Amino acid sequence: DTSCAGCAGDGAILPGVWILFIALWIITIGATITT
């Protein structure tokens, strides 16, 4: 939605970002346990 100029900075995290964040946390925790 490019019609909302201030929407990018409203603090809302998009679903794709959450998914990537969760995947990286899974890797971090699993890699630490593996080490």
Full PDB file with SEQRES, HELIX, SHEET, SSBOND, CRYST1, ORIGX, SCALE, CONECT and MASTER records, all heavy atoms in Angstrom:
SEQRES   1 A   35  ASP THR SER CYS ALA GLY CYS ALA GLY ASP GLY ALA ILE          
SEQRES   2 A   35  LEU PRO GLY VAL TRP ILE LEU PHE ILE ALA LEU TRP ILE          
SEQRES   3 A   35  ILE THR ILE GLY ALA THR ILE THR THR                          
HELIX    1 AA1 CYS A    7  GLY A    9  5                                   3    
HELIX    2 AA2 PRO A   15  THR A   34  1                                  20    
SSBOND   1 CYS A    4    CYS A    7                          1555   1555  1.70  
CRYST1    1.000    1.000    1.000  90.00  90.00  90.00 P 1           1          
ORIGX1      1.000000  0.000000  0.000000        0.00000                         
ORIGX2      0.000000  1.000000  0.000000        0.00000                         
ORIGX3      0.000000  0.000000  1.000000        0.00000                         
SCALE1      1.000000  0.000000  0.000000        0.00000                         
SCALE2      0.000000  1.000000  0.000000        0.00000                         
SCALE3      0.000000  0.000000  1.000000        0.00000                         
ATOM      1  N   ASP A   1       0.841  -1.192   0.000  1.00  0.00           N  
ATOM      2  CA  ASP A   1       0.000   0.000   0.000  1.00  0.00           C  
ATOM      3  C   ASP A   1       0.876   1.242   0.000  1.00  0.00           C  
ATOM      4  O   ASP A   1       1.387   1.660   1.024  1.00  0.00           O  
ATOM      5  CB  ASP A   1      -0.919  -0.010   1.226  1.00  0.00           C  
ATOM      6  CG  ASP A   1      -1.897   1.151   1.211  1.00  0.00           C  
ATOM      7  OD1 ASP A   1      -2.019   1.808   0.156  1.00  0.00           O  
ATOM      8  OD2 ASP A   1      -2.530   1.385   2.251  1.00  0.00           O  
ATOM      9  N   THR A   2       1.087   1.833  -1.175  1.00  0.00           N  
ATOM     10  CA  THR A   2       1.928   3.024  -1.277  1.00  0.00           C  
ATOM     11  C   THR A   2       1.139   4.301  -1.032  1.00  0.00           C  
ATOM     12  O   THR A   2       1.716   5.370  -0.973  1.00  0.00           O  
ATOM     13  CB  THR A   2       2.576   3.098  -2.674  1.00  0.00           C  
ATOM     14  OG1 THR A   2       1.551   3.072  -3.665  1.00  0.00           O  
ATOM     15  CG2 THR A   2       3.535   1.945  -2.886  1.00  0.00           C  
ATOM     16  N   SER A   3      -0.173   4.194  -0.862  1.00  0.00           N  
ATOM     17  CA  SER A   3      -0.977   5.393  -0.626  1.00  0.00           C  
ATOM     18  C   SER A   3      -0.796   5.917   0.797  1.00  0.00           C  
ATOM     19  O   SER A   3      -1.099   7.063   1.081  1.00  0.00           O  
ATOM     20  CB  SER A   3      -2.461   5.093  -0.885  1.00  0.00           C  
ATOM     21  OG  SER A   3      -2.911   4.132   0.051  1.00  0.00           O  
ATOM     22  N   CYS A   4      -0.312   5.088   1.687  1.00  0.00           N  
ATOM     23  CA  CYS A   4      -0.121   5.484   3.077  1.00  0.00           C  
ATOM     24  C   CYS A   4       1.353   5.814   3.273  1.00  0.00           C  
ATOM     25  O   CYS A   4       2.168   4.922   3.471  1.00  0.00           O  
ATOM     26  CB  CYS A   4      -0.568   4.364   4.005  1.00  0.00           C  
ATOM     27  SG  CYS A   4      -0.360   4.770   5.743  1.00  0.00           S  
ATOM     28  N   ALA A   5       1.694   7.082   3.225  1.00  0.00           N  
ATOM     29  CA  ALA A   5       3.098   7.493   3.286  1.00  0.00           C  
ATOM     30  C   ALA A   5       3.740   7.158   4.626  1.00  0.00           C  
ATOM     31  O   ALA A   5       4.908   6.807   4.690  1.00  0.00           O  
ATOM     32  CB  ALA A   5       3.203   8.987   3.017  1.00  0.00           C  
ATOM     33  N   GLY A   6       3.010   7.246   5.729  1.00  0.00           N  
ATOM     34  CA  GLY A   6       3.576   7.013   7.050  1.00  0.00           C  
ATOM     35  C   GLY A   6       3.439   5.588   7.538  1.00  0.00           C  
ATOM     36  O   GLY A   6       3.849   5.284   8.659  1.00  0.00           O  
ATOM     37  N   CYS A   7       2.872   4.680   6.736  1.00  0.00           N  
ATOM     38  CA  CYS A   7       2.613   3.318   7.205  1.00  0.00           C  
ATOM     39  C   CYS A   7       3.884   2.503   7.411  1.00  0.00           C  
ATOM     40  O   CYS A   7       3.912   1.628   8.254  1.00  0.00           O  
ATOM     41  CB  CYS A   7       1.716   2.577   6.217  1.00  0.00           C  
ATOM     42  SG  CYS A   7       0.023   3.185   6.219  1.00  0.00           S  
ATOM     43  N   ALA A   8       4.928   2.795   6.670  1.00  0.00           N  
ATOM     44  CA  ALA A   8       6.144   1.995   6.779  1.00  0.00           C  
ATOM     45  C   ALA A   8       6.790   2.142   8.148  1.00  0.00           C  
ATOM     46  O   ALA A   8       7.449   1.236   8.618  1.00  0.00           O  
ATOM     47  CB  ALA A   8       7.130   2.377   5.689  1.00  0.00           C  
ATOM     48  N   GLY A   9       6.584   3.240   8.800  1.00  0.00           N  
ATOM     49  CA  GLY A   9       7.212   3.447  10.087  1.00  0.00           C  
ATOM     50  C   GLY A   9       6.256   3.342  11.258  1.00  0.00           C  
ATOM     51  O   GLY A   9       6.558   3.821  12.334  1.00  0.00           O  
ATOM     52  N   ASP A  10       5.118   2.704  11.079  1.00  0.00           N  
ATOM     53  CA  ASP A  10       4.136   2.651  12.165  1.00  0.00           C  
ATOM     54  C   ASP A  10       4.414   1.552  13.186  1.00  0.00           C  
ATOM     55  O   ASP A  10       3.645   1.368  14.117  1.00  0.00           O  
ATOM     56  CB  ASP A  10       2.716   2.529  11.615  1.00  0.00           C  
ATOM     57  CG  ASP A  10       2.451   1.202  10.915  1.00  0.00           C  
ATOM     58  OD1 ASP A  10       3.391   0.410  10.782  1.00  0.00           O  
ATOM     59  OD2 ASP A  10       1.303   0.974  10.503  1.00  0.00           O  
ATOM     60  N   GLY A  11       5.488   0.815  13.041  1.00  0.00           N  
ATOM     61  CA  GLY A  11       5.853  -0.191  14.026  1.00  0.00           C  
ATOM     62  C   GLY A  11       5.260  -1.562  13.777  1.00  0.00           C  
ATOM     63  O   GLY A  11       5.573  -2.496  14.500  1.00  0.00           O  
ATOM     64  N   ALA A  12       4.400  -1.719  12.785  1.00  0.00           N  
ATOM     65  CA  ALA A  12       3.802  -3.021  12.495  1.00  0.00           C  
ATOM     66  C   ALA A  12       4.822  -3.897  11.771  1.00  0.00           C  
ATOM     67  O   ALA A  12       5.465  -3.468  10.830  1.00  0.00           O  
ATOM     68  CB  ALA A  12       2.561  -2.857  11.640  1.00  0.00           C  
ATOM     69  N   ILE A  13       4.969  -5.128  12.248  1.00  0.00           N  
ATOM     70  CA  ILE A  13       5.889  -6.065  11.612  1.00  0.00           C  
ATOM     71  C   ILE A  13       5.071  -6.985  10.723  1.00  0.00           C  
ATOM     72  O   ILE A  13       4.090  -7.580  11.156  1.00  0.00           O  
ATOM     73  CB  ILE A  13       6.674  -6.857  12.663  1.00  0.00           C  
ATOM     74  CG1 ILE A  13       7.496  -5.891  13.517  1.00  0.00           C  
ATOM     75  CG2 ILE A  13       7.575  -7.880  12.007  1.00  0.00           C  
ATOM     76  CD1 ILE A  13       8.248  -6.542  14.640  1.00  0.00           C  
ATOM     77  N   LEU A  14       5.488  -7.091   9.483  1.00  0.00           N  
ATOM     78  CA  LEU A  14       4.755  -7.877   8.497  1.00  0.00           C  
ATOM     79  C   LEU A  14       4.950  -9.378   8.731  1.00  0.00           C  
ATOM     80  O   LEU A  14       5.959  -9.797   9.313  1.00  0.00           O  
ATOM     81  CB  LEU A  14       5.208  -7.490   7.105  1.00  0.00           C  
ATOM     82  CG  LEU A  14       4.951  -6.018   6.764  1.00  0.00           C  
ATOM     83  CD1 LEU A  14       5.646  -5.658   5.481  1.00  0.00           C  
ATOM     84  CD2 LEU A  14       3.460  -5.762   6.658  1.00  0.00           C  
ATOM     85  N   PRO A  15       3.993 -10.195   8.270  1.00  0.00           N  
ATOM     86  CA  PRO A  15       4.075 -11.650   8.510  1.00  0.00           C  
ATOM     87  C   PRO A  15       5.348 -12.285   7.972  1.00  0.00           C  
ATOM     88  O   PRO A  15       5.916 -13.169   8.621  1.00  0.00           O  
ATOM     89  CB  PRO A  15       2.846 -12.202   7.780  1.00  0.00           C  
ATOM     90  CG  PRO A  15       1.904 -11.056   7.667  1.00  0.00           C  
ATOM     91  CD  PRO A  15       2.750  -9.823   7.601  1.00  0.00           C  
ATOM     92  N   GLY A  16       5.807 -11.862   6.809  1.00  0.00           N  
ATOM     93  CA  GLY A  16       7.029 -12.437   6.245  1.00  0.00           C  
ATOM     94  C   GLY A  16       8.245 -12.187   7.106  1.00  0.00           C  
ATOM     95  O   GLY A  16       9.125 -13.038   7.247  1.00  0.00           O  
ATOM     96  N   VAL A  17       8.286 -11.008   7.709  1.00  0.00           N  
ATOM     97  CA  VAL A  17       9.401 -10.685   8.594  1.00  0.00           C  
ATOM     98  C   VAL A  17       9.349 -11.564   9.845  1.00  0.00           C  
ATOM     99  O   VAL A  17      10.378 -12.057  10.312  1.00  0.00           O  
ATOM    100  CB  VAL A  17       9.385  -9.183   8.970  1.00  0.00           C  
ATOM    101  CG1 VAL A  17      10.461  -8.867   9.986  1.00  0.00           C  
ATOM    102  CG2 VAL A  17       9.548  -8.330   7.726  1.00  0.00           C  
ATOM    103  N   TRP A  18       8.151 -11.774  10.392  1.00  0.00           N  
ATOM    104  CA  TRP A  18       7.991 -12.651  11.552  1.00  0.00           C  
ATOM    105  C   TRP A  18       8.443 -14.066  11.228  1.00  0.00           C  
ATOM    106  O   TRP A  18       9.103 -14.723  12.033  1.00  0.00           O  
ATOM    107  CB  TRP A  18       6.537 -12.676  12.029  1.00  0.00           C  
ATOM    108  CG  TRP A  18       6.194 -11.578  12.968  1.00  0.00           C  
ATOM    109  CD1 TRP A  18       5.352 -10.542  12.739  1.00  0.00           C  
ATOM    110  CD2 TRP A  18       6.701 -11.379  14.286  1.00  0.00           C  
ATOM    111  NE1 TRP A  18       5.291  -9.719  13.829  1.00  0.00           N  
ATOM    112  CE2 TRP A  18       6.118 -10.212  14.805  1.00  0.00           C  
ATOM    113  CE3 TRP A  18       7.597 -12.080  15.088  1.00  0.00           C  
ATOM    114  CZ2 TRP A  18       6.401  -9.726  16.074  1.00  0.00           C  
ATOM    115  CZ3 TRP A  18       7.876 -11.596  16.358  1.00  0.00           C  
ATOM    116  CH2 TRP A  18       7.279 -10.437  16.832  1.00  0.00           C  
ATOM    117  N   ILE A  19       8.080 -14.563  10.056  1.00  0.00           N  
ATOM    118  CA  ILE A  19       8.458 -15.922   9.662  1.00  0.00           C  
ATOM    119  C   ILE A  19       9.974 -16.055   9.593  1.00  0.00           C  
ATOM    120  O   ILE A  19      10.560 -17.017  10.100  1.00  0.00           O  
ATOM    121  CB  ILE A  19       7.788 -16.300   8.321  1.00  0.00           C  
ATOM    122  CG1 ILE A  19       6.287 -16.452   8.529  1.00  0.00           C  
ATOM    123  CG2 ILE A  19       8.408 -17.573   7.743  1.00  0.00           C  
ATOM    124  CD1 ILE A  19       5.498 -16.587   7.250  1.00  0.00           C  
ATOM    125  N   LEU A  20      10.626 -15.084   8.982  1.00  0.00           N  
ATOM    126  CA  LEU A  20      12.081 -15.123   8.875  1.00  0.00           C  
ATOM    127  C   LEU A  20      12.727 -14.992  10.255  1.00  0.00           C  
ATOM    128  O   LEU A  20      13.702 -15.677  10.571  1.00  0.00           O  
ATOM    129  CB  LEU A  20      12.574 -14.018   7.946  1.00  0.00           C  
ATOM    130  CG  LEU A  20      14.034 -14.072   7.546  1.00  0.00           C  
ATOM    131  CD1 LEU A  20      14.382 -15.415   6.917  1.00  0.00           C  
ATOM    132  CD2 LEU A  20      14.351 -12.940   6.587  1.00  0.00           C  
ATOM    133  N   PHE A  21      12.177 -14.143  11.104  1.00  0.00           N  
ATOM    134  CA  PHE A  21      12.667 -13.967  12.463  1.00  0.00           C  
ATOM    135  C   PHE A  21      12.580 -15.282  13.244  1.00  0.00           C  
ATOM    136  O   PHE A  21      13.531 -15.685  13.919  1.00  0.00           O  
ATOM    137  CB  PHE A  21      11.836 -12.874  13.145  1.00  0.00           C  
ATOM    138  CG  PHE A  21      12.258 -12.554  14.543  1.00  0.00           C  
ATOM    139  CD1 PHE A  21      13.424 -11.840  14.782  1.00  0.00           C  
ATOM    140  CD2 PHE A  21      11.496 -12.964  15.623  1.00  0.00           C  
ATOM    141  CE1 PHE A  21      13.816 -11.532  16.077  1.00  0.00           C  
ATOM    142  CE2 PHE A  21      11.866 -12.663  16.917  1.00  0.00           C  
ATOM    143  CZ  PHE A  21      13.040 -11.948  17.140  1.00  0.00           C  
ATOM    144  N   ILE A  22      11.465 -15.973  13.128  1.00  0.00           N  
ATOM    145  CA  ILE A  22      11.277 -17.256  13.821  1.00  0.00           C  
ATOM    146  C   ILE A  22      12.249 -18.309  13.289  1.00  0.00           C  
ATOM    147  O   ILE A  22      12.848 -19.064  14.056  1.00  0.00           O  
ATOM    148  CB  ILE A  22       9.806 -17.725  13.703  1.00  0.00           C  
ATOM    149  CG1 ILE A  22       8.911 -16.796  14.529  1.00  0.00           C  
ATOM    150  CG2 ILE A  22       9.647 -19.176  14.144  1.00  0.00           C  
ATOM    151  CD1 ILE A  22       7.432 -16.976  14.281  1.00  0.00           C  
ATOM    152  N   ALA A  23      12.447 -18.349  11.952  1.00  0.00           N  
ATOM    153  CA  ALA A  23      13.382 -19.317  11.367  1.00  0.00           C  
ATOM    154  C   ALA A  23      14.804 -19.071  11.879  1.00  0.00           C  
ATOM    155  O   ALA A  23      15.522 -20.023  12.216  1.00  0.00           O  
ATOM    156  CB  ALA A  23      13.345 -19.225   9.842  1.00  0.00           C  
ATOM    157  N   LEU A  24      15.203 -17.822  11.965  1.00  0.00           N  
ATOM    158  CA  LEU A  24      16.549 -17.509  12.453  1.00  0.00           C  
ATOM    159  C   LEU A  24      16.706 -17.850  13.935  1.00  0.00           C  
ATOM    160  O   LEU A  24      17.772 -18.304  14.360  1.00  0.00           O  
ATOM    161  CB  LEU A  24      16.877 -16.048  12.187  1.00  0.00           C  
ATOM    162  CG  LEU A  24      17.060 -15.692  10.707  1.00  0.00           C  
ATOM    163  CD1 LEU A  24      17.250 -14.191  10.540  1.00  0.00           C  
ATOM    164  CD2 LEU A  24      18.220 -16.456  10.094  1.00  0.00           C  
ATOM    165  N   TRP A  25      15.649 -17.662  14.723  1.00  0.00           N  
ATOM    166  CA  TRP A  25      15.720 -18.032  16.134  1.00  0.00           C  
ATOM    167  C   TRP A  25      15.800 -19.546  16.297  1.00  0.00           C  
ATOM    168  O   TRP A  25      16.502 -20.046  17.171  1.00  0.00           O  
ATOM    169  CB  TRP A  25      14.534 -17.460  16.921  1.00  0.00           C  
ATOM    170  CG  TRP A  25      14.885 -16.145  17.515  1.00  0.00           C  
ATOM    171  CD1 TRP A  25      14.466 -14.928  17.110  1.00  0.00           C  
ATOM    172  CD2 TRP A  25      15.770 -15.899  18.611  1.00  0.00           C  
ATOM    173  NE1 TRP A  25      15.023 -13.940  17.878  1.00  0.00           N  
ATOM    174  CE2 TRP A  25      15.835 -14.515  18.819  1.00  0.00           C  
ATOM    175  CE3 TRP A  25      16.516 -16.715  19.436  1.00  0.00           C  
ATOM    176  CZ2 TRP A  25      16.617 -13.930  19.805  1.00  0.00           C  
ATOM    177  CZ3 TRP A  25      17.299 -16.123  20.433  1.00  0.00           C  
ATOM    178  CH2 TRP A  25      17.334 -14.754  20.601  1.00  0.00           C  
ATOM    179  N   ILE A  26      15.086 -20.282  15.470  1.00  0.00           N  
ATOM    180  CA  ILE A  26      15.162 -21.752  15.514  1.00  0.00           C  
ATOM    181  C   ILE A  26      16.590 -22.202  15.207  1.00  0.00           C  
ATOM    182  O   ILE A  26      17.147 -23.079  15.876  1.00  0.00           O  
ATOM    183  CB  ILE A  26      14.148 -22.391  14.552  1.00  0.00           C  
ATOM    184  CG1 ILE A  26      12.724 -22.169  15.062  1.00  0.00           C  
ATOM    185  CG2 ILE A  26      14.429 -23.877  14.355  1.00  0.00           C  
ATOM    186  CD1 ILE A  26      11.654 -22.544  14.069  1.00  0.00           C  
ATOM    187  N   ILE A  27      17.193 -21.581  14.195  1.00  0.00           N  
ATOM    188  CA  ILE A  27      18.574 -21.919  13.844  1.00  0.00           C  
ATOM    189  C   ILE A  27      19.513 -21.566  14.987  1.00  0.00           C  
ATOM    190  O   ILE A  27      20.406 -22.341  15.337  1.00  0.00           O  
ATOM    191  CB  ILE A  27      18.986 -21.209  12.540  1.00  0.00           C  
ATOM    192  CG1 ILE A  27      18.224 -21.811  11.359  1.00  0.00           C  
ATOM    193  CG2 ILE A  27      20.491 -21.307  12.309  1.00  0.00           C  
ATOM    194  CD1 ILE A  27      18.384 -21.044  10.063  1.00  0.00           C  
ATOM    195  N   THR A  28      19.321 -20.408  15.590  1.00  0.00           N  
ATOM    196  CA  THR A  28      20.194 -19.979  16.688  1.00  0.00           C  
ATOM    197  C   THR A  28      20.127 -20.946  17.869  1.00  0.00           C  
ATOM    198  O   THR A  28      21.162 -21.384  18.388  1.00  0.00           O  
ATOM    199  CB  THR A  28      19.802 -18.561  17.164  1.00  0.00           C  
ATOM    200  OG1 THR A  28      19.923 -17.663  16.061  1.00  0.00           O  
ATOM    201  CG2 THR A  28      20.670 -18.103  18.304  1.00  0.00           C  
ATOM    202  N   ILE A  29      18.937 -21.281  18.285  1.00  0.00           N  
ATOM    203  CA  ILE A  29      18.772 -22.181  19.431  1.00  0.00           C  
ATOM    204  C   ILE A  29      19.280 -23.586  19.097  1.00  0.00           C  
ATOM    205  O   ILE A  29      20.017 -24.198  19.866  1.00  0.00           O  
ATOM    206  CB  ILE A  29      17.303 -22.198  19.885  1.00  0.00           C  
ATOM    207  CG1 ILE A  29      16.923 -20.826  20.459  1.00  0.00           C  
ATOM    208  CG2 ILE A  29      17.054 -23.308  20.908  1.00  0.00           C  
ATOM    209  CD1 ILE A  29      15.443 -20.623  20.655  1.00  0.00           C  
ATOM    210  N   GLY A  30      18.907 -24.088  17.928  1.00  0.00           N  
ATOM    211  CA  GLY A  30      19.347 -25.429  17.526  1.00  0.00           C  
ATOM    212  C   GLY A  30      20.850 -25.524  17.335  1.00  0.00           C  
ATOM    213  O   GLY A  30      21.474 -26.520  17.715  1.00  0.00           O  
ATOM    214  N   ALA A  31      21.455 -24.492  16.761  1.00  0.00           N  
ATOM    215  CA  ALA A  31      22.906 -24.502  16.559  1.00  0.00           C  
ATOM    216  C   ALA A  31      23.642 -24.432  17.887  1.00  0.00           C  
ATOM    217  O   ALA A  31      24.683 -25.079  18.063  1.00  0.00           O  
ATOM    218  CB  ALA A  31      23.313 -23.343  15.657  1.00  0.00           C  
ATOM    219  N   THR A  32      23.121 -23.676  18.831  1.00  0.00           N  
ATOM    220  CA  THR A  32      23.742 -23.608  20.155  1.00  0.00           C  
ATOM    221  C   THR A  32      23.675 -24.963  20.846  1.00  0.00           C  
ATOM    222  O   THR A  32      24.676 -25.430  21.419  1.00  0.00           O  
ATOM    223  CB  THR A  32      23.050 -22.530  21.015  1.00  0.00           C  
ATOM    224  OG1 THR A  32      23.153 -21.272  20.344  1.00  0.00           O  
ATOM    225  CG2 THR A  32      23.674 -22.440  22.392  1.00  0.00           C  
ATOM    226  N   ILE A  33      22.533 -25.616  20.769  1.00  0.00           N  
ATOM    227  CA  ILE A  33      22.387 -26.951  21.366  1.00  0.00           C  
ATOM    228  C   ILE A  33      23.327 -27.937  20.677  1.00  0.00           C  
ATOM    229  O   ILE A  33      23.980 -28.754  21.331  1.00  0.00           O  
ATOM    230  CB  ILE A  33      20.923 -27.417  21.297  1.00  0.00           C  
ATOM    231  CG1 ILE A  33      20.050 -26.559  22.215  1.00  0.00           C  
ATOM    232  CG2 ILE A  33      20.802 -28.903  21.656  1.00  0.00           C  
ATOM    233  CD1 ILE A  33      18.565 -26.763  22.034  1.00  0.00           C  
ATOM    234  N   THR A  34      23.430 -27.860  19.351  1.00  0.00           N  
ATOM    235  CA  THR A  34      24.310 -28.754  18.600  1.00  0.00           C  
ATOM    236  C   THR A  34      25.763 -28.543  18.998  1.00  0.00           C  
ATOM    237  O   THR A  34      26.515 -29.514  19.158  1.00  0.00           O  
ATOM    238  CB  THR A  34      24.131 -28.539  17.086  1.00  0.00           C  
ATOM    239  OG1 THR A  34      22.779 -28.815  16.751  1.00  0.00           O  
ATOM    240  CG2 THR A  34      25.045 -29.439  16.281  1.00  0.00           C  
ATOM    241  N   THR A  35      26.175 -27.293  19.150  1.00  0.00           N  
ATOM    242  CA  THR A  35      27.549 -27.006  19.561  1.00  0.00           C  
ATOM    243  C   THR A  35      27.837 -27.628  20.921  1.00  0.00           C  
ATOM    244  O   THR A  35      28.871 -28.276  21.120  1.00  0.00           O  
ATOM    245  CB  THR A  35      27.795 -25.487  19.611  1.00  0.00           C  
ATOM    246  OG1 THR A  35      27.565 -24.934  18.310  1.00  0.00           O  
ATOM    247  CG2 THR A  35      29.201 -25.167  20.054  1.00  0.00           C  
TER     248      THR A  35                                                      
CONECT   27   42                                                                
CONECT   42   27                                                                
MASTER        0    0    0    2    0    0    0    6  247    1    2    3          
END                                                                             
